[in-house]
C-alpha cells in the first residue's frame, strides 16, 4: 500500500524509474513517448546532460540561501537572461516555485501597486471563462473553469469573467477575425464600466489557453484590442504564460507573436523544463518603481523563492534552447504536427478542430462534426483516450469540460522541443489509433 496521497487515490499508477530523451521508462522497462511533456513541462526531454551538470555544480557550490538575507549570482544571472529577452517594459523578475505561485504573486503585486499609488478602490480582477490560472485560492478565484472552482466557491473571493477568445465555437459566420476581436474587447470594456472604472485592478488572461480548452490561441488583433481597453481605464494587463511561455509556441514569450507587452507576466513549467520546480513573475519598471518609491517592501514571499539550484537549472535550460536553436525546431515541428494531424483526421466525423501554436497543439473532439455537439460528459472520452494512448506507449494530456467546464473533450499535445520529424509522425499515428479506439467503444 502506498502512503502517498495521490491526486487520484483509486488509480494504480506505474512507477517511473528513468527518462531518456523524449521517453519516460517505468519499473517494468516499458517506454512511453512523452508527447505532452507531463503538463507542458519537459521541454528538453529527460536526462539532458547539460542541465544535470548545472544542477550538480550549483548543489556543490550553494544549494540554498534565504532571500531575506542574500541574493545569489545564479538568480541574478537568470533574471538578467529573462529580462534581456522579455517584452518591452518588463524589467524585474520575482522567482517562485511554480505557476500557481507566480499568479498569486501577480495578483498581490497588482493590488499593492494600486494601494501604493493612491487607488485603493481598485480591488476587482477580471478573467475569462474557461481559463485556468492555478490551484491556490487566489489563482482559483480568478480562474474561469467551473468544474475546478465549484467545490471551493464558499471560500473564494468572487471572480468576474468575460467570454474567452474561442473562434471555433463563438466567432459568428458573418464576423471577420477583427470584428470578433472587437466584440470581445467591447465586452471587456462593458464589464469594466459595470464594475466601476476606478475599481478594476487587472485583466488576467492566458496568452494561449492551455489545460481547460486545449491550445486555444487568440485571433489576430485580439490582445492588442484588450491592451487598448486596459490602458483606457488604467487597468493592468496580466498575461499568464505558465503553460504557453518559454518557447512552447515558438517564441520565448508567447505574446511576442501578438506584439503585446503586459504589465505583469507569469511563467513556469518550461522555465525549468521539469528539472527543478521554478516559476517567475515578471513586472514592469513602472510597477517596481511604485513599490520602491512607496513602502519599499513587496508584502509577499515564500521560503523557496529564488532557490539557487532551481535558478541554475532554469538558466541552463535557457542557454540550451539558445545554443541549439530550438525555437526554430519548435516552429518547424509545430507546423508539421498540425499538418499531420489535419491529414490524419481530415474526414474524421468526430474531430472538430485542430489548433495551436508551435509545439502547443489541441485536438477538440465532437459527437457531430457539423453541429459541433460534444460527447456526453458521462462518457469521459478524454479519460479513455489517455488510458488507451498509454497502453500504446504514448503520453498525452486529454481533458474534459472544454466547452463550458462540463461538456466537451480535447487532447493537448506539448512534446519536447527536441522532437524530430520521425517523432512527430509517431505521435500522430499513436494518438490517431487511441482516439479511434476510444470512440469505437460503446
Protein backbone atom coordinates (compact mmCIF):
# COMPACT_ATOMS: atom_id res chain seq x y z
CA UNK A 1 0.00 0.00 0.00
CA UNK A 2 1.30 3.44 -0.92
CA UNK A 3 1.46 6.11 1.76
CA UNK A 4 1.40 8.85 -0.88
CA UNK A 5 -1.84 10.80 -1.04
CA UNK A 6 -2.12 10.62 -4.83
CA UNK A 7 -4.34 13.09 -6.67
CA UNK A 8 -6.47 10.12 -7.77
CA UNK A 9 -6.10 7.58 -4.95
CA UNK A 10 -8.25 4.96 -6.68
CA UNK A 11 -5.92 4.80 -9.66
CA UNK A 12 -2.98 2.41 -9.76
CA UNK A 13 -0.05 4.21 -11.34
CA UNK A 14 3.04 2.71 -12.95
CA UNK A 15 6.33 3.71 -11.33
CA UNK A 16 8.61 5.94 -13.40
CA UNK A 17 12.25 4.97 -12.89
CA UNK A 18 14.06 6.69 -15.73
CA UNK A 19 13.94 9.08 -18.64
CA UNK A 20 15.83 9.22 -21.90
CA UNK A 21 15.27 11.99 -24.41
CA UNK A 22 11.57 12.18 -25.25
CA UNK A 23 10.83 8.90 -23.44
CA UNK A 24 9.92 8.00 -19.85
CA UNK A 25 10.61 4.48 -18.59
CA UNK A 26 8.63 2.60 -15.93
CA UNK A 27 9.73 -0.11 -13.50
CA UNK A 28 8.82 -2.89 -15.95
CA UNK A 29 11.07 -1.39 -18.58
CA UNK A 30 8.22 -0.07 -20.71
CA UNK A 31 8.94 3.14 -22.60
CA UNK A 32 6.44 5.96 -23.10
CA UNK A 33 6.81 8.70 -25.70
CA UNK A 34 6.19 11.87 -23.66
CA UNK A 35 4.11 13.82 -26.16
CA UNK A 36 2.78 16.26 -23.57
CA UNK A 37 5.94 16.90 -21.57
CA UNK A 38 3.92 15.92 -18.50
CA UNK A 39 1.81 19.08 -18.45
CA UNK A 40 3.83 21.09 -20.99
CA UNK A 41 6.83 20.97 -18.66
CA UNK A 42 9.61 18.74 -20.02
CA UNK A 43 10.55 20.90 -22.98
CA UNK A 44 14.09 19.44 -23.25
CA UNK A 45 13.09 15.86 -22.60
CA UNK A 46 14.61 13.72 -19.90
CA UNK A 47 18.19 13.12 -18.79
CA UNK A 48 19.71 16.15 -20.52
CA UNK A 49 23.42 16.11 -19.54
CA UNK A 50 23.94 19.88 -19.52
CA UNK A 51 21.03 20.53 -17.16
CA UNK A 52 22.07 17.72 -14.83
CA UNK A 53 25.64 19.06 -14.72
CA UNK A 54 24.43 22.59 -13.93
CA UNK A 55 22.33 21.27 -11.05
CA UNK A 56 25.24 19.25 -9.67
CA UNK A 57 27.65 22.17 -9.86
CA UNK A 58 25.25 24.54 -8.13
CA UNK A 59 24.50 21.99 -5.39
CA UNK A 60 28.21 21.66 -4.71
CA UNK A 61 28.60 25.45 -4.54
CA UNK A 62 25.44 26.66 -2.80
CA UNK A 63 22.09 24.92 -2.51
CA UNK A 64 20.02 27.48 -0.63
CA UNK A 65 20.17 30.94 0.87
CA UNK A 66 17.05 32.67 2.17
CA UNK A 67 16.17 35.74 0.11
CA UNK A 68 15.62 37.91 3.18
CA UNK A 69 19.38 37.63 3.82
CA UNK A 70 21.06 37.15 0.42
CA UNK A 71 20.77 37.29 -3.32
CA UNK A 72 22.76 34.76 -5.37
CA UNK A 73 24.84 35.04 -8.51
CA UNK A 74 22.79 32.44 -10.34
CA UNK A 75 19.45 34.12 -9.54
CA UNK A 76 20.82 37.45 -10.75
CA UNK A 77 22.07 35.81 -13.94
CA UNK A 78 18.71 34.16 -14.62
CA UNK A 79 16.86 37.43 -14.06
CA UNK A 80 19.20 39.20 -16.48
CA UNK A 81 18.64 36.48 -19.07
CA UNK A 82 14.85 36.60 -18.81
CA UNK A 83 14.59 40.39 -18.83
CA UNK A 84 17.02 40.74 -21.74
CA UNK A 85 14.56 38.90 -23.98
CA UNK A 86 11.31 39.96 -22.31
CA UNK A 87 8.58 42.08 -23.93
CA UNK A 88 9.16 45.83 -23.74
CA UNK A 89 8.60 47.37 -20.34
CA UNK A 90 9.13 44.24 -18.25
CA UNK A 91 12.15 44.89 -16.06
CA UNK A 92 12.07 42.85 -12.85
CA UNK A 93 11.87 39.12 -12.12
CA UNK A 94 10.44 37.58 -8.96
CA UNK A 95 11.22 33.85 -8.67
CA UNK A 96 8.80 31.33 -7.18
CA UNK A 97 8.37 27.56 -7.24
CA UNK A 98 5.61 27.11 -9.80
CA UNK A 99 2.79 28.55 -11.86
CA UNK A 100 0.15 28.97 -9.17
CA UNK A 101 2.67 30.84 -7.01
CA UNK A 102 3.55 33.10 -9.94
CA UNK A 103 -0.11 34.02 -10.44
CA UNK A 104 -0.63 34.59 -6.70
CA UNK A 105 2.36 36.93 -6.68
CA UNK A 106 0.99 38.79 -9.70
CA UNK A 107 -2.42 39.32 -8.11
CA UNK A 108 -0.94 40.57 -4.87
CA UNK A 109 1.52 42.84 -6.66
CA UNK A 110 -1.27 44.35 -8.76
CA UNK A 111 -3.32 45.05 -5.65
CA UNK A 112 -0.37 46.50 -3.74
CA UNK A 113 0.57 48.70 -6.72
CA UNK A 114 -2.78 50.47 -6.57
CA UNK A 115 -2.71 50.77 -2.79
CA UNK A 116 0.70 52.40 -3.01
CA UNK A 117 -0.28 54.74 -5.85
CA UNK A 118 -3.38 56.10 -4.13
CA UNK A 119 -6.10 53.99 -5.79
CA UNK A 120 -7.11 51.58 -3.02
CA UNK A 121 -10.60 51.12 -4.52
CA UNK A 122 -9.13 49.02 -7.32
CA UNK A 123 -9.96 45.59 -5.95
CA UNK A 124 -11.57 43.63 -8.78
CA UNK A 125 -9.89 41.24 -11.18
CA UNK A 126 -11.48 40.20 -14.46
CA UNK A 127 -10.55 36.97 -16.23
CA UNK A 128 -12.20 34.78 -18.86
CA UNK A 129 -14.50 31.82 -18.72
CA UNK A 130 -12.75 28.55 -19.47
CA UNK A 131 -9.46 29.85 -18.13
CA UNK A 132 -7.14 28.23 -15.64
CA UNK A 133 -4.60 30.15 -13.60
CA UNK A 134 -3.67 27.75 -10.82
CA UNK A 135 -4.99 25.90 -7.79
CA UNK A 136 -4.08 28.23 -4.93
CA UNK A 137 -7.09 30.13 -3.63
CA UNK A 138 -6.32 33.46 -5.30
CA UNK A 139 -5.49 31.87 -8.65
CA UNK A 140 -8.54 29.61 -8.44
CA UNK A 141 -10.75 32.59 -7.58
CA UNK A 142 -9.92 34.39 -10.80
CA UNK A 143 -9.90 31.24 -12.91
CA UNK A 144 -12.89 30.64 -15.14
CA UNK A 145 -13.23 26.86 -15.08
CA UNK A 146 -16.48 25.96 -13.34
CA UNK A 147 -15.56 22.36 -12.50
CA UNK A 148 -12.35 23.31 -10.71
CA UNK A 149 -13.96 26.19 -8.80
CA UNK A 150 -17.28 24.69 -7.75
CA UNK A 151 -16.28 22.79 -4.55
CA UNK A 152 -14.42 25.79 -3.18
CA UNK A 153 -16.77 28.64 -4.07
CA UNK A 154 -17.67 29.43 -0.43
CA UNK A 155 -14.03 30.23 0.35
CA UNK A 156 -13.15 32.03 -2.90
CA UNK A 157 -13.21 35.77 -3.44
CA UNK A 158 -15.93 36.34 -6.08
CA UNK A 159 -14.44 36.38 -9.57
CA UNK A 160 -15.55 38.35 -12.62
CA UNK A 161 -15.42 36.75 -16.04
CA UNK A 162 -15.92 37.62 -19.68
CA UNK A 163 -16.01 35.44 -22.78
CA UNK A 164 -12.94 33.54 -23.94
CA UNK A 165 -11.46 34.09 -27.38
CA UNK A 166 -12.79 30.81 -28.79
CA UNK A 167 -13.30 31.26 -32.54
CA UNK A 168 -14.14 27.62 -33.25
CA UNK A 169 -17.33 27.90 -31.18
CA UNK A 170 -18.03 31.59 -30.68
CA UNK A 171 -16.99 33.52 -33.80
CA UNK A 172 -20.06 34.12 -35.96
CA UNK A 173 -20.05 33.22 -39.62
CA UNK A 174 -20.73 36.83 -40.53
CA UNK A 175 -17.80 38.12 -38.42
CA UNK A 176 -14.22 38.67 -39.52
CA UNK A 177 -11.47 37.93 -37.03
CA UNK A 178 -11.10 41.66 -36.41
CA UNK A 179 -14.82 42.08 -35.78
CA UNK A 180 -14.84 39.13 -33.42
CA UNK A 181 -11.84 40.53 -31.52
CA UNK A 182 -13.55 43.91 -31.29
CA UNK A 183 -16.72 42.32 -29.91
CA UNK A 184 -14.71 40.65 -27.16
CA UNK A 185 -12.85 43.89 -26.38
CA UNK A 186 -16.18 45.72 -26.17
CA UNK A 187 -17.44 43.08 -23.74
CA UNK A 188 -14.40 43.63 -21.51
CA UNK A 189 -14.91 47.39 -21.63
CA UNK A 190 -18.56 47.00 -20.68
CA UNK A 191 -17.65 44.80 -17.71
CA UNK A 192 -15.07 47.32 -16.50
CA UNK A 193 -17.65 50.11 -16.70
CA UNK A 194 -20.23 47.93 -14.96
CA UNK A 195 -17.90 47.19 -12.05
CA UNK A 196 -16.64 50.76 -11.92
CA UNK A 197 -13.72 52.03 -13.96
CA UNK A 198 -11.86 53.05 -10.83
CA UNK A 199 -12.43 49.72 -9.10
CA UNK A 200 -10.86 47.22 -11.51
CA UNK A 201 -7.22 46.33 -10.83
CA UNK A 202 -6.35 43.96 -13.67
CA UNK A 203 -7.47 41.79 -16.54
CA UNK A 204 -5.89 38.32 -16.42
CA UNK A 205 -5.60 36.04 -19.44
CA UNK A 206 -3.61 33.11 -20.71
CA UNK A 207 -1.88 34.22 -23.90
CA UNK A 208 -2.71 30.79 -25.33
CA UNK A 209 -5.23 28.86 -23.21
CA UNK A 210 -3.80 25.53 -22.10
CA UNK A 211 -5.40 22.83 -19.97
CA UNK A 212 -9.04 23.95 -19.99
CA UNK A 213 -9.50 24.49 -23.70
CA UNK A 214 -6.60 22.82 -25.48
CA UNK A 215 -4.11 25.27 -27.02
CA UNK A 216 -6.69 27.95 -27.77
CA UNK A 217 -4.79 30.80 -29.44
CA UNK A 218 -6.23 34.32 -29.79
CA UNK A 219 -7.34 35.61 -33.17
CA UNK A 220 -5.19 38.30 -34.72
CA UNK A 221 -5.60 41.69 -33.10
CA UNK A 222 -7.39 40.40 -30.01
CA UNK A 223 -4.66 41.09 -27.47
CA UNK A 224 -3.89 44.50 -28.97
CA UNK A 225 -7.53 45.49 -28.55
CA UNK A 226 -7.57 44.14 -25.00
CA UNK A 227 -4.39 46.08 -24.23
CA UNK A 228 -6.04 49.26 -25.52
CA UNK A 229 -9.09 48.77 -23.29
CA UNK A 230 -6.90 48.19 -20.25
CA UNK A 231 -4.90 51.34 -21.00
CA UNK A 232 -8.07 53.39 -21.44
CA UNK A 233 -9.24 52.60 -17.92
CA UNK A 234 -5.89 52.31 -16.13
CA UNK A 235 -6.33 48.56 -15.69
CA UNK A 236 -3.22 46.36 -15.52
CA UNK A 237 -2.82 43.56 -18.06
CA UNK A 238 -1.56 40.31 -16.53
CA UNK A 239 -0.68 37.58 -19.03
CA UNK A 240 -0.41 34.01 -17.80
CA UNK A 241 2.18 32.12 -19.85
CA UNK A 242 2.77 29.40 -17.30
CA UNK A 243 1.99 26.79 -19.93
CA UNK A 244 2.42 28.64 -23.23
CA UNK A 245 5.59 30.57 -22.47
CA UNK A 246 9.33 29.86 -22.51
CA UNK A 247 9.46 28.76 -26.14
CA UNK A 248 6.43 26.47 -26.23
CA UNK A 249 4.74 28.43 -29.06
CA UNK A 250 7.98 29.01 -30.97
CA UNK A 251 8.68 32.32 -29.24
CA UNK A 252 10.38 32.65 -25.88
CA UNK A 253 7.36 34.63 -24.70
CA UNK A 254 4.10 33.72 -26.42
CA UNK A 255 2.85 37.32 -26.50
CA UNK A 256 5.76 38.27 -28.79
CA UNK A 257 3.76 36.80 -31.65
CA UNK A 258 0.88 39.14 -30.80
CA UNK A 259 3.04 42.26 -30.47
CA UNK A 260 1.74 42.97 -26.97
CA UNK A 261 3.55 43.75 -23.72
CA UNK A 262 1.73 43.07 -20.44
CA UNK A 263 2.29 44.88 -17.17
CA UNK A 264 2.92 41.58 -15.42
CA UNK A 265 3.82 38.23 -16.98
CA UNK A 266 3.71 34.81 -15.29
CA UNK A 267 5.93 31.92 -16.40
CA UNK A 268 6.79 28.45 -15.03
CA UNK A 269 6.66 24.86 -16.36
CA UNK A 270 9.11 25.05 -19.29
CA UNK A 271 11.22 27.61 -17.45
CA UNK A 272 12.96 24.80 -15.59
CA UNK A 273 11.97 22.05 -18.05
CA UNK A 274 10.97 19.83 -15.14
CA UNK A 275 14.50 19.50 -13.79
CA UNK A 276 13.67 21.76 -10.85
CA UNK A 277 10.40 23.37 -9.63
CA UNK A 278 10.56 27.03 -10.59
CA UNK A 279 8.33 29.82 -11.84
CA UNK A 280 8.63 33.57 -12.16
CA UNK A 281 6.60 36.75 -12.21
CA UNK A 282 7.99 39.49 -14.45
CA UNK A 283 6.87 43.01 -13.63
CA UNK A 284 7.15 46.34 -15.40
CA UNK A 285 9.53 49.04 -14.24
CA UNK A 286 6.54 51.29 -13.51
CA UNK A 287 5.12 48.83 -11.00
CA UNK A 288 8.51 48.14 -9.44
CA UNK A 289 9.28 51.82 -9.03
CA UNK A 290 5.90 52.38 -7.34
CA UNK A 291 6.77 49.80 -4.68
CA UNK A 292 10.34 51.03 -4.23
CA UNK A 293 9.20 54.65 -4.05
CA UNK A 294 6.31 53.81 -1.71
CA UNK A 295 6.58 51.35 1.16
CA UNK A 296 9.78 49.86 -0.26
CA UNK A 297 8.55 46.36 0.52
CA UNK A 298 6.59 43.81 -1.52
CA UNK A 299 4.30 42.24 1.07
CA UNK A 300 4.62 38.70 -0.19
CA UNK A 301 7.06 35.79 -0.13
CA UNK A 302 7.71 32.06 0.21
CA UNK A 303 10.53 30.07 1.74
CA UNK A 304 11.90 28.75 -1.53
CA UNK A 305 11.71 31.83 -3.78
CA UNK A 306 14.90 32.39 -5.73
CA UNK A 307 16.17 28.88 -4.92
CA UNK A 308 19.74 28.67 -6.19
CA UNK A 309 19.60 25.14 -7.63
CA UNK A 310 16.28 25.83 -9.35
CA UNK A 311 17.68 29.04 -10.84
CA UNK A 312 20.78 27.19 -12.07
CA UNK A 313 18.66 24.60 -13.84
CA UNK A 314 16.43 27.25 -15.43
CA UNK A 315 19.40 29.30 -16.60
CA UNK A 316 20.99 26.29 -18.27
CA UNK A 317 17.65 25.42 -19.90
CA UNK A 318 17.54 28.87 -21.49
CA UNK A 319 21.12 28.56 -22.66
CA UNK A 320 20.49 25.15 -24.24
CA UNK A 321 17.44 26.49 -26.08
CA UNK A 322 19.52 29.36 -27.46
CA UNK A 323 22.66 27.34 -28.24
CA UNK A 324 20.77 24.57 -30.03
CA UNK A 325 18.42 26.97 -31.88
CA UNK A 326 15.47 25.01 -30.55
CA UNK A 327 12.87 27.70 -31.18
CA UNK A 328 13.43 27.12 -34.90
CA UNK A 329 12.71 23.44 -34.35
CA UNK A 330 9.61 24.23 -32.28
CA UNK A 331 8.15 26.25 -35.14
CA UNK A 332 9.06 23.68 -37.80
CA UNK A 333 7.90 20.63 -35.86
CA UNK A 334 4.78 22.50 -34.74
CA UNK A 335 3.78 23.16 -38.34
CA UNK A 336 4.46 19.51 -39.12
CA UNK A 337 2.40 18.32 -36.15
CA UNK A 338 -0.67 20.38 -37.06
CA UNK A 339 -0.40 19.45 -40.73
CA UNK A 340 -0.03 15.74 -39.92
CA UNK A 341 -2.98 15.81 -37.52
CA UNK A 342 -5.15 17.55 -40.11
CA UNK A 343 -4.19 14.94 -42.69
CA UNK A 344 -4.84 12.06 -40.30
CA UNK A 345 -8.24 13.42 -39.23
CA UNK A 346 -9.25 15.18 -42.47
CA UNK A 347 -12.51 13.29 -42.83
CA UNK A 348 -12.93 12.15 -39.26
CA UNK A 349 -16.53 12.68 -38.14
CA UNK A 350 -15.52 13.28 -34.51
CA UNK A 351 -12.56 15.64 -34.77
CA UNK A 352 -13.92 19.17 -34.80
CA UNK A 353 -10.86 21.41 -34.52
CA UNK A 354 -7.07 21.22 -34.58
CA UNK A 355 -5.39 24.35 -33.28
CA UNK A 356 -2.42 25.86 -31.51
CA UNK A 357 0.95 27.48 -31.98
CA UNK A 358 4.38 25.88 -32.13
CA UNK A 359 4.53 22.63 -30.19
CA UNK A 360 1.40 23.55 -28.26
CA UNK A 361 -1.44 21.83 -30.10
CA UNK A 362 -5.02 20.91 -29.25
CA UNK A 363 -7.45 18.46 -30.84
CA UNK A 364 -11.12 19.04 -29.97
CA UNK A 365 -13.43 16.06 -30.22
CA UNK A 366 -17.14 16.25 -31.05
CA UNK A 367 -20.04 13.83 -31.28
CA UNK A 368 -21.08 15.53 -34.52
CA UNK A 369 -18.66 17.47 -36.69
CA UNK A 370 -21.32 19.60 -38.38
CA UNK A 371 -23.27 20.70 -35.33
CA UNK A 372 -20.15 20.70 -33.07
CA UNK A 373 -22.20 18.94 -30.41
CA UNK A 374 -19.83 17.49 -27.78
CA UNK A 375 -19.91 13.95 -26.46
CA UNK A 376 -21.90 13.31 -23.30
CA UNK A 377 -19.76 14.12 -20.24
CA UNK A 378 -20.76 10.79 -18.68
CA UNK A 379 -18.78 9.02 -21.36
CA UNK A 380 -15.50 10.58 -20.12
CA UNK A 381 -14.00 10.22 -23.57
CA UNK A 382 -10.90 12.23 -22.66
CA UNK A 383 -10.03 9.87 -19.81
CA UNK A 384 -10.42 6.81 -22.03
CA UNK A 385 -8.18 8.33 -24.71
CA UNK A 386 -5.49 8.89 -22.10
CA UNK A 387 -5.70 5.27 -20.97
CA UNK A 388 -5.63 3.83 -24.48
CA UNK A 389 -2.77 6.12 -25.50
CA UNK A 390 -0.70 4.95 -22.50
CA UNK A 391 -1.40 1.35 -23.45
CA UNK A 392 0.17 2.18 -26.81
CA UNK A 393 3.18 3.86 -25.20
CA UNK A 394 2.07 7.46 -25.71
CA UNK A 395 1.65 10.13 -23.04
CA UNK A 396 -0.77 12.92 -23.97
CA UNK A 397 -2.85 15.39 -21.94
CA UNK A 398 -6.59 14.95 -22.58
CA UNK A 399 -9.13 16.97 -20.60
CA UNK A 400 -12.90 17.26 -20.30
CA UNK A 401 -15.17 20.27 -19.89
CA UNK A 402 -13.68 22.03 -22.91
CA UNK A 403 -16.83 23.91 -23.86
CA UNK A 404 -18.16 25.14 -20.53
CA UNK A 405 -16.39 23.30 -17.74
CA UNK A 406 -18.76 20.34 -18.01
CA UNK A 407 -19.17 19.39 -21.67
CA UNK A 408 -16.53 18.78 -24.30
CA UNK A 409 -13.32 16.80 -24.73
CA UNK A 410 -9.92 17.69 -26.12
CA UNK A 411 -6.38 16.35 -26.26
CA UNK A 412 -3.45 18.66 -25.58
CA UNK A 413 -0.07 17.88 -27.12
CA UNK A 414 3.12 19.59 -25.97
CA UNK A 415 6.07 17.42 -26.99
CA UNK A 416 9.67 18.34 -26.15
CA UNK A 417 11.44 20.94 -28.26
CA UNK A 418 13.99 18.30 -29.29
CA UNK A 419 11.45 16.24 -31.28
CA UNK A 420 12.42 15.02 -34.74
CA UNK A 421 10.25 14.64 -37.84
CA UNK A 422 10.01 10.90 -37.15
CA UNK A 423 8.92 11.55 -33.56
CA UNK A 424 6.07 13.76 -34.74
CA UNK A 425 4.79 11.17 -37.18
CA UNK A 426 4.86 8.50 -34.47
CA UNK A 427 2.91 10.78 -32.09
CA UNK A 428 0.21 11.32 -34.71
CA UNK A 429 -0.03 7.61 -35.52
CA UNK A 430 -0.32 6.51 -31.89
CA UNK A 431 -2.77 9.26 -30.97
CA UNK A 432 -4.91 8.54 -34.01
CA UNK A 433 -5.19 4.88 -33.04
CA UNK A 434 -6.05 5.77 -29.42
CA UNK A 435 -8.76 8.25 -30.43
CA UNK A 436 -10.33 5.82 -32.89
CA UNK A 437 -10.32 3.03 -30.33
CA UNK A 438 -11.87 5.21 -27.62
CA UNK A 439 -14.64 6.48 -29.88
CA UNK A 440 -15.39 3.00 -31.20
CA UNK A 441 -16.21 1.77 -27.70
CA UNK A 442 -19.93 1.83 -26.99
